[in-house]
Amino acid sequence: MESGPAIFVGTVFALFGGALLAWTVVRLRQGEPIAAGVNRVASATVASVAGAGALALGMWCFTRV
């Protein structure tokens, strides 16, 4: 019974992390800001760390199935 929620949460985290990383890369390649009014390097770093963290958390949830 516990594997259902782990699969759902792992999927949500993996999709969010992947989408955040993809969005960050697209914004950087287009030369557009990641966050309005924030240093471009700092915002790209924070977004990349958050995306990678969400992906890692999703993978961790999948190991608990």
PDB file of N, CA and C in Angstrom:
ATOM      1  N   MET A   1       0.806  -1.202   0.000  1.00  0.00           N
ATOM      2  CA  MET A   1       0.000   0.000   0.000  1.00  0.00           C
ATOM      3  C   MET A   1       0.851   1.269   0.000  1.00  0.00           C
ATOM      4  N   GLU A   2       2.036   1.217   0.606  1.00  0.00           N
ATOM      5  CA  GLU A   2       2.863   2.422   0.681  1.00  0.00           C
ATOM      6  C   GLU A   2       3.572   2.740  -0.622  1.00  0.00           C
ATOM      7  N   SER A   3       3.607   1.814  -1.560  1.00  0.00           N
ATOM      8  CA  SER A   3       4.331   2.082  -2.798  1.00  0.00           C
ATOM      9  C   SER A   3       3.578   3.059  -3.706  1.00  0.00           C
ATOM     10  N   GLY A   4       2.262   3.108  -3.603  1.00  0.00           N
ATOM     11  CA  GLY A   4       1.472   4.033  -4.428  1.00  0.00           C
ATOM     12  C   GLY A   4       1.832   5.485  -4.187  1.00  0.00           C
ATOM     13  N   PRO A   5       1.810   5.949  -2.918  1.00  0.00           N
ATOM     14  CA  PRO A   5       2.203   7.335  -2.663  1.00  0.00           C
ATOM     15  C   PRO A   5       3.665   7.625  -3.013  1.00  0.00           C
ATOM     16  N   ALA A   6       4.554   6.653  -2.819  1.00  0.00           N
ATOM     17  CA  ALA A   6       5.968   6.866  -3.155  1.00  0.00           C
ATOM     18  C   ALA A   6       6.141   7.051  -4.656  1.00  0.00           C
ATOM     19  N   ILE A   7       5.407   6.281  -5.436  1.00  0.00           N
ATOM     20  CA  ILE A   7       5.485   6.421  -6.890  1.00  0.00           C
ATOM     21  C   ILE A   7       4.936   7.781  -7.318  1.00  0.00           C
ATOM     22  N   PHE A   8       3.815   8.186  -6.739  1.00  0.00           N
ATOM     23  CA  PHE A   8       3.212   9.477  -7.085  1.00  0.00           C
ATOM     24  C   PHE A   8       4.146  10.632  -6.733  1.00  0.00           C
ATOM     25  N   VAL A   9       4.659  10.631  -5.518  1.00  0.00           N
ATOM     26  CA  VAL A   9       5.535  11.731  -5.079  1.00  0.00           C
ATOM     27  C   VAL A   9       6.832  11.732  -5.875  1.00  0.00           C
ATOM     28  N   GLY A  10       7.389  10.555  -6.150  1.00  0.00           N
ATOM     29  CA  GLY A  10       8.605  10.482  -6.953  1.00  0.00           C
ATOM     30  C   GLY A  10       8.392  11.034  -8.349  1.00  0.00           C
ATOM     31  N   THR A  11       7.237  10.730  -8.927  1.00  0.00           N
ATOM     32  CA  THR A  11       6.918  11.246 -10.257  1.00  0.00           C
ATOM     33  C   THR A  11       6.770  12.759 -10.242  1.00  0.00           C
ATOM     34  N   VAL A  12       6.085  13.277  -9.234  1.00  0.00           N
ATOM     35  CA  VAL A  12       5.893  14.730  -9.133  1.00  0.00           C
ATOM     36  C   VAL A  12       7.234  15.440  -8.997  1.00  0.00           C
ATOM     37  N   PHE A  13       8.091  14.959  -8.103  1.00  0.00           N
ATOM     38  CA  PHE A  13       9.393  15.595  -7.915  1.00  0.00           C
ATOM     39  C   PHE A  13      10.255  15.483  -9.169  1.00  0.00           C
ATOM     40  N   ALA A  14      10.233  14.334  -9.820  1.00  0.00           N
ATOM     41  CA  ALA A  14      11.051  14.154 -11.024  1.00  0.00           C
ATOM     42  C   ALA A  14      10.567  15.062 -12.152  1.00  0.00           C
ATOM     43  N   LEU A  15       9.258  15.164 -12.341  1.00  0.00           N
ATOM     44  CA  LEU A  15       8.733  16.052 -13.383  1.00  0.00           C
ATOM     45  C   LEU A  15       9.033  17.517 -13.073  1.00  0.00           C
ATOM     46  N   PHE A  16       8.849  17.917 -11.823  1.00  0.00           N
ATOM     47  CA  PHE A  16       9.135  19.298 -11.451  1.00  0.00           C
ATOM     48  C   PHE A  16      10.612  19.624 -11.633  1.00  0.00           C
ATOM     49  N   GLY A  17      11.492  18.750 -11.156  1.00  0.00           N
ATOM     50  CA  GLY A  17      12.924  18.998 -11.278  1.00  0.00           C
ATOM     51  C   GLY A  17      13.382  19.051 -12.722  1.00  0.00           C
ATOM     52  N   GLY A  18      12.893  18.126 -13.527  1.00  0.00           N
ATOM     53  CA  GLY A  18      13.258  18.128 -14.941  1.00  0.00           C
ATOM     54  C   GLY A  18      12.746  19.358 -15.664  1.00  0.00           C
ATOM     55  N   ALA A  19      11.502  19.744 -15.380  1.00  0.00           N
ATOM     56  CA  ALA A  19      10.934  20.931 -16.021  1.00  0.00           C
ATOM     57  C   ALA A  19      11.668  22.196 -15.587  1.00  0.00           C
ATOM     58  N   LEU A  20      12.024  22.285 -14.315  1.00  0.00           N
ATOM     59  CA  LEU A  20      12.745  23.467 -13.833  1.00  0.00           C
ATOM     60  C   LEU A  20      14.123  23.567 -14.467  1.00  0.00           C
ATOM     61  N   LEU A  21      14.816  22.455 -14.580  1.00  0.00           N
ATOM     62  CA  LEU A  21      16.132  22.477 -15.232  1.00  0.00           C
ATOM     63  C   LEU A  21      16.011  22.821 -16.710  1.00  0.00           C
ATOM     64  N   ALA A  22      15.029  22.255 -17.390  1.00  0.00           N
ATOM     65  CA  ALA A  22      14.840  22.553 -18.811  1.00  0.00           C
ATOM     66  C   ALA A  22      14.489  24.024 -19.015  1.00  0.00           C
ATOM     67  N   TRP A  23      13.615  24.552 -18.178  1.00  0.00           N
ATOM     68  CA  TRP A  23      13.211  25.953 -18.282  1.00  0.00           C
ATOM     69  C   TRP A  23      14.409  26.869 -18.033  1.00  0.00           C
ATOM     70  N   THR A  24      15.231  26.525 -17.059  1.00  0.00           N
ATOM     71  CA  THR A  24      16.413  27.329 -16.755  1.00  0.00           C
ATOM     72  C   THR A  24      17.375  27.346 -17.931  1.00  0.00           C
ATOM     73  N   VAL A  25      17.601  26.205 -18.550  1.00  0.00           N
ATOM     74  CA  VAL A  25      18.507  26.127 -19.699  1.00  0.00           C
ATOM     75  C   VAL A  25      17.971  26.949 -20.867  1.00  0.00           C
ATOM     76  N   VAL A  26      16.687  26.843 -21.129  1.00  0.00           N
ATOM     77  CA  VAL A  26      16.091  27.606 -22.241  1.00  0.00           C
ATOM     78  C   VAL A  26      16.227  29.101 -21.986  1.00  0.00           C
ATOM     79  N   ARG A  27      15.933  29.542 -20.772  1.00  0.00           N
ATOM     80  CA  ARG A  27      16.043  30.969 -20.459  1.00  0.00           C
ATOM     81  C   ARG A  27      17.482  31.459 -20.581  1.00  0.00           C
ATOM     82  N   LEU A  28      18.443  30.646 -20.149  1.00  0.00           N
ATOM     83  CA  LEU A  28      19.851  31.040 -20.244  1.00  0.00           C
ATOM     84  C   LEU A  28      20.298  31.118 -21.703  1.00  0.00           C
ATOM     85  N   ARG A  29      19.895  30.156 -22.513  1.00  0.00           N
ATOM     86  CA  ARG A  29      20.297  30.168 -23.929  1.00  0.00           C
ATOM     87  C   ARG A  29      19.690  31.342 -24.691  1.00  0.00           C
ATOM     88  N   GLN A  30      18.493  31.770 -24.291  1.00  0.00           N
ATOM     89  CA  GLN A  30      17.852  32.904 -24.945  1.00  0.00           C
ATOM     90  C   GLN A  30      18.349  34.236 -24.398  1.00  0.00           C
ATOM     91  N   GLY A  31      19.128  34.195 -23.325  1.00  0.00           N
ATOM     92  CA  GLY A  31      19.661  35.410 -22.739  1.00  0.00           C
ATOM     93  C   GLY A  31      18.642  36.185 -21.911  1.00  0.00           C
ATOM     94  N   GLU A  32      17.578  35.533 -21.524  1.00  0.00           N
ATOM     95  CA  GLU A  32      16.542  36.184 -20.729  1.00  0.00           C
ATOM     96  C   GLU A  32      16.785  35.909 -19.248  1.00  0.00           C
ATOM     97  N   PRO A  33      16.286  36.785 -18.377  1.00  0.00           N
ATOM     98  CA  PRO A  33      16.510  36.581 -16.942  1.00  0.00           C
ATOM     99  C   PRO A  33      15.722  35.390 -16.398  1.00  0.00           C
ATOM    100  N   ILE A  34      16.279  34.751 -15.395  1.00  0.00           N
ATOM    101  CA  ILE A  34      15.603  33.637 -14.732  1.00  0.00           C
ATOM    102  C   ILE A  34      14.571  34.192 -13.756  1.00  0.00           C
ATOM    103  N   ALA A  35      14.971  35.197 -12.990  1.00  0.00           N
ATOM    104  CA  ALA A  35      14.079  35.856 -12.041  1.00  0.00           C
ATOM    105  C   ALA A  35      14.226  37.362 -12.229  1.00  0.00           C
ATOM    106  N   ALA A  36      13.126  38.057 -12.196  1.00  0.00           N
ATOM    107  CA  ALA A  36      13.147  39.510 -12.424  1.00  0.00           C
ATOM    108  C   ALA A  36      13.821  40.224 -11.260  1.00  0.00           C
ATOM    109  N   GLY A  37      14.775  41.090 -11.592  1.00  0.00           N
ATOM    110  CA  GLY A  37      15.426  41.915 -10.590  1.00  0.00           C
ATOM    111  C   GLY A  37      16.500  41.214  -9.779  1.00  0.00           C
ATOM    112  N   VAL A  38      16.933  40.032 -10.212  1.00  0.00           N
ATOM    113  CA  VAL A  38      17.937  39.275  -9.470  1.00  0.00           C
ATOM    114  C   VAL A  38      19.126  39.046 -10.396  1.00  0.00           C
ATOM    115  N   ASN A  39      20.307  38.974  -9.816  1.00  0.00           N
ATOM    116  CA  ASN A  39      21.514  38.692 -10.578  1.00  0.00           C
ATOM    117  C   ASN A  39      21.319  37.401 -11.381  1.00  0.00           C
ATOM    118  N   ARG A  40      21.703  37.436 -12.652  1.00  0.00           N
ATOM    119  CA  ARG A  40      21.462  36.301 -13.559  1.00  0.00           C
ATOM    120  C   ARG A  40      22.196  35.046 -13.112  1.00  0.00           C
ATOM    121  N   VAL A  41      23.434  35.192 -12.670  1.00  0.00           N
ATOM    122  CA  VAL A  41      24.217  34.032 -12.243  1.00  0.00           C
ATOM    123  C   VAL A  41      23.638  33.434 -10.965  1.00  0.00           C
ATOM    124  N   ALA A  42      23.280  34.282 -10.024  1.00  0.00           N
ATOM    125  CA  ALA A  42      22.723  33.792  -8.762  1.00  0.00           C
ATOM    126  C   ALA A  42      21.389  33.089  -8.977  1.00  0.00           C
ATOM    127  N   SER A  43      20.528  33.672  -9.796  1.00  0.00           N
ATOM    128  CA  SER A  43      19.222  33.055 -10.016  1.00  0.00           C
ATOM    129  C   SER A  43      19.347  31.744 -10.791  1.00  0.00           C
ATOM    130  N   ALA A  44      20.281  31.679 -11.733  1.00  0.00           N
ATOM    131  CA  ALA A  44      20.498  30.431 -12.471  1.00  0.00           C
ATOM    132  C   ALA A  44      21.052  29.355 -11.551  1.00  0.00           C
ATOM    133  N   THR A  45      21.929  29.743 -10.646  1.00  0.00           N
ATOM    134  CA  THR A  45      22.495  28.785  -9.697  1.00  0.00           C
ATOM    135  C   THR A  45      21.429  28.238  -8.765  1.00  0.00           C
ATOM    136  N   VAL A  46      20.614  29.118  -8.216  1.00  0.00           N
ATOM    137  CA  VAL A  46      19.561  28.681  -7.292  1.00  0.00           C
ATOM    138  C   VAL A  46      18.550  27.796  -8.011  1.00  0.00           C
ATOM    139  N   ALA A  47      18.155  28.169  -9.203  1.00  0.00           N
ATOM    140  CA  ALA A  47      17.190  27.368  -9.962  1.00  0.00           C
ATOM    141  C   ALA A  47      17.778  26.011 -10.325  1.00  0.00           C
ATOM    142  N   SER A  48      19.041  25.966 -10.681  1.00  0.00           N
ATOM    143  CA  SER A  48      19.675  24.693 -11.035  1.00  0.00           C
ATOM    144  C   SER A  48      19.806  23.781  -9.821  1.00  0.00           C
ATOM    145  N   VAL A  49      20.176  24.342  -8.692  1.00  0.00           N
ATOM    146  CA  VAL A  49      20.296  23.549  -7.465  1.00  0.00           C
ATOM    147  C   VAL A  49      18.925  23.022  -7.036  1.00  0.00           C
ATOM    148  N   ALA A  50      17.900  23.863  -7.134  1.00  0.00           N
ATOM    149  CA  ALA A  50      16.549  23.429  -6.773  1.00  0.00           C
ATOM    150  C   ALA A  50      16.058  22.333  -7.714  1.00  0.00           C
ATOM    151  N   GLY A  51      16.316  22.471  -9.001  1.00  0.00           N
ATOM    152  CA  GLY A  51      15.910  21.447  -9.964  1.00  0.00           C
ATOM    153  C   GLY A  51      16.632  20.132  -9.747  1.00  0.00           C
ATOM    154  N   ALA A  52      17.931  20.209  -9.526  1.00  0.00           N
ATOM    155  CA  ALA A  52      18.705  18.989  -9.277  1.00  0.00           C
ATOM    156  C   ALA A  52      18.288  18.345  -7.956  1.00  0.00           C
ATOM    157  N   GLY A  53      17.991  19.168  -6.967  1.00  0.00           N
ATOM    158  CA  GLY A  53      17.523  18.638  -5.686  1.00  0.00           C
ATOM    159  C   GLY A  53      16.184  17.930  -5.813  1.00  0.00           C
ATOM    160  N   ALA A  54      15.286  18.510  -6.590  1.00  0.00           N
ATOM    161  CA  ALA A  54      13.982  17.881  -6.802  1.00  0.00           C
ATOM    162  C   ALA A  54      14.139  16.563  -7.562  1.00  0.00           C
ATOM    163  N   LEU A  55      15.019  16.536  -8.556  1.00  0.00           N
ATOM    164  CA  LEU A  55      15.277  15.277  -9.266  1.00  0.00           C
ATOM    165  C   LEU A  55      15.861  14.225  -8.333  1.00  0.00           C
ATOM    166  N   ALA A  56      16.803  14.619  -7.494  1.00  0.00           N
ATOM    167  CA  ALA A  56      17.408  13.675  -6.557  1.00  0.00           C
ATOM    168  C   ALA A  56      16.373  13.164  -5.555  1.00  0.00           C
ATOM    169  N   LEU A  57      15.508  14.039  -5.083  1.00  0.00           N
ATOM    170  CA  LEU A  57      14.467  13.629  -4.155  1.00  0.00           C
ATOM    171  C   LEU A  57      13.480  12.674  -4.824  1.00  0.00           C
ATOM    172  N   GLY A  58      13.159  12.930  -6.078  1.00  0.00           N
ATOM    173  CA  GLY A  58      12.290  12.023  -6.817  1.00  0.00           C
ATOM    174  C   GLY A  58      12.926  10.657  -6.992  1.00  0.00           C
ATOM    175  N   MET A  59      14.216  10.613  -7.307  1.00  0.00           N
ATOM    176  CA  MET A  59      14.899   9.335  -7.453  1.00  0.00           C
ATOM    177  C   MET A  59      14.967   8.594  -6.110  1.00  0.00           C
ATOM    178  N   TRP A  60      15.159   9.336  -5.042  1.00  0.00           N
ATOM    179  CA  TRP A  60      15.172   8.726  -3.721  1.00  0.00           C
ATOM    180  C   TRP A  60      13.818   8.097  -3.396  1.00  0.00           C
ATOM    181  N   CYS A  61      12.739   8.792  -3.765  1.00  0.00           N
ATOM    182  CA  CYS A  61      11.398   8.232  -3.540  1.00  0.00           C
ATOM    183  C   CYS A  61      11.201   6.942  -4.327  1.00  0.00           C
ATOM    184  N   PHE A  62      11.749   6.884  -5.547  1.00  0.00           N
ATOM    185  CA  PHE A  62      11.615   5.665  -6.351  1.00  0.00           C
ATOM    186  C   PHE A  62      12.397   4.507  -5.755  1.00  0.00           C
ATOM    187  N   THR A  63      13.475   4.779  -5.004  1.00  0.00           N
ATOM    188  CA  THR A  63      14.211   3.689  -4.374  1.00  0.00           C
ATOM    189  C   THR A  63      13.463   3.121  -3.175  1.00  0.00           C
ATOM    190  N   ARG A  64      12.485   3.840  -2.670  1.00  0.00           N
ATOM    191  CA  ARG A  64      11.703   3.394  -1.508  1.00  0.00           C
ATOM    192  C   ARG A  64      10.502   2.546  -1.895  1.00  0.00           C
ATOM    193  N   VAL A  65      10.314   2.312  -3.183  1.00  0.00           N
ATOM    194  CA  VAL A  65       9.148   1.536  -3.651  1.00  0.00           C
ATOM    195  C   VAL A  65       9.332   0.078  -3.330  1.00  0.00           C
TER     196      VAL A  65
END
